[in-house]
Amino acid sequence: MIYRNICRLAKKEGLSINKLEQEAGLSSGSICKRGNSVSPTVRSVKAVADILGVTVDDLLTDTQGGE
């Protein structure tokens, strides 16, 4: 769910996942790992939320009805 939300919000902001990783100070491919059931760190979730202009809760909540 978090990976899906990150992808949706990044697309809405016109950011590629690679660019988002760079801006958040994350290693290349670290967000894609979220799609593979790897748990993100609190720091990385907060950094991504800040860049996307949303709350951490927005990333963790399924607001798209399972899309």
Protein backbone atom coordinates (compact mmCIF):
# COMPACT_ATOMS: atom_id res chain seq x y z
CA MET A 1 0.00 0.00 0.00
CA ILE A 2 2.72 2.52 0.88
CA TYR A 3 4.54 1.84 -2.39
CA ARG A 4 1.32 2.33 -4.37
CA ASN A 5 0.61 5.60 -2.52
CA ILE A 6 4.15 6.88 -3.08
CA CYS A 7 3.95 6.11 -6.80
CA ARG A 8 0.54 7.76 -7.13
CA LEU A 9 1.60 10.90 -5.26
CA ALA A 10 4.94 11.17 -7.05
CA LYS A 11 3.17 10.95 -10.40
CA LYS A 12 0.72 13.64 -9.27
CA GLU A 13 3.69 15.89 -8.41
CA GLY A 14 5.43 15.11 -11.71
CA LEU A 15 8.31 13.30 -10.01
CA SER A 16 9.89 10.07 -11.11
CA ILE A 17 10.65 7.53 -8.39
CA ASN A 18 14.35 7.99 -9.13
CA LYS A 19 14.11 11.77 -8.68
CA LEU A 20 12.10 11.31 -5.48
CA GLU A 21 14.77 8.98 -4.10
CA GLN A 22 17.47 11.53 -4.92
CA GLU A 23 15.59 14.42 -3.31
CA ALA A 24 14.87 12.34 -0.20
CA GLY A 25 18.52 11.32 0.11
CA LEU A 26 17.66 7.65 -0.39
CA SER A 27 19.70 5.10 -2.28
CA SER A 28 18.70 4.25 -5.81
CA GLY A 29 16.03 1.55 -5.82
CA SER A 30 15.13 1.97 -2.16
CA ILE A 31 11.53 2.96 -2.87
CA CYS A 32 11.08 0.04 -5.26
CA LYS A 33 12.01 -2.26 -2.40
CA ARG A 34 8.79 -1.11 -0.71
CA GLY A 35 6.91 -2.84 -3.50
CA ASN A 36 8.72 -6.03 -2.52
CA SER A 37 7.46 -5.99 1.09
CA VAL A 38 10.61 -4.45 2.58
CA SER A 39 9.70 -2.25 5.54
CA PRO A 40 10.81 1.37 5.13
CA THR A 41 12.54 3.30 7.89
CA VAL A 42 10.66 6.08 9.65
CA ARG A 43 13.26 8.56 8.37
CA SER A 44 12.74 7.56 4.74
CA VAL A 45 8.94 7.66 5.01
CA LYS A 46 9.12 11.14 6.60
CA ALA A 47 11.54 12.39 3.94
CA VAL A 48 9.32 11.14 1.11
CA ALA A 49 6.19 12.61 2.73
CA ASP A 50 7.89 15.99 3.13
CA ILE A 51 8.95 16.10 -0.52
CA LEU A 52 5.49 15.08 -1.71
CA GLY A 53 3.85 17.64 0.56
CA VAL A 54 1.75 15.09 2.40
CA THR A 55 1.68 13.57 5.87
CA VAL A 56 3.16 10.22 6.79
CA ASP A 57 -0.41 9.12 7.44
CA ASP A 58 -1.28 9.94 3.82
CA LEU A 59 1.40 7.48 2.68
CA LEU A 60 0.23 4.78 5.05
CA THR A 61 -3.51 5.07 4.44
CA ASP A 62 -5.32 3.40 1.58
CA THR A 63 -7.27 6.40 0.31
CA GLN A 64 -7.79 4.98 -3.17
CA GLY A 65 -10.09 2.14 -2.16
CA GLY A 66 -7.60 -0.57 -3.05
CA GLU A 67 -6.67 0.74 -6.49
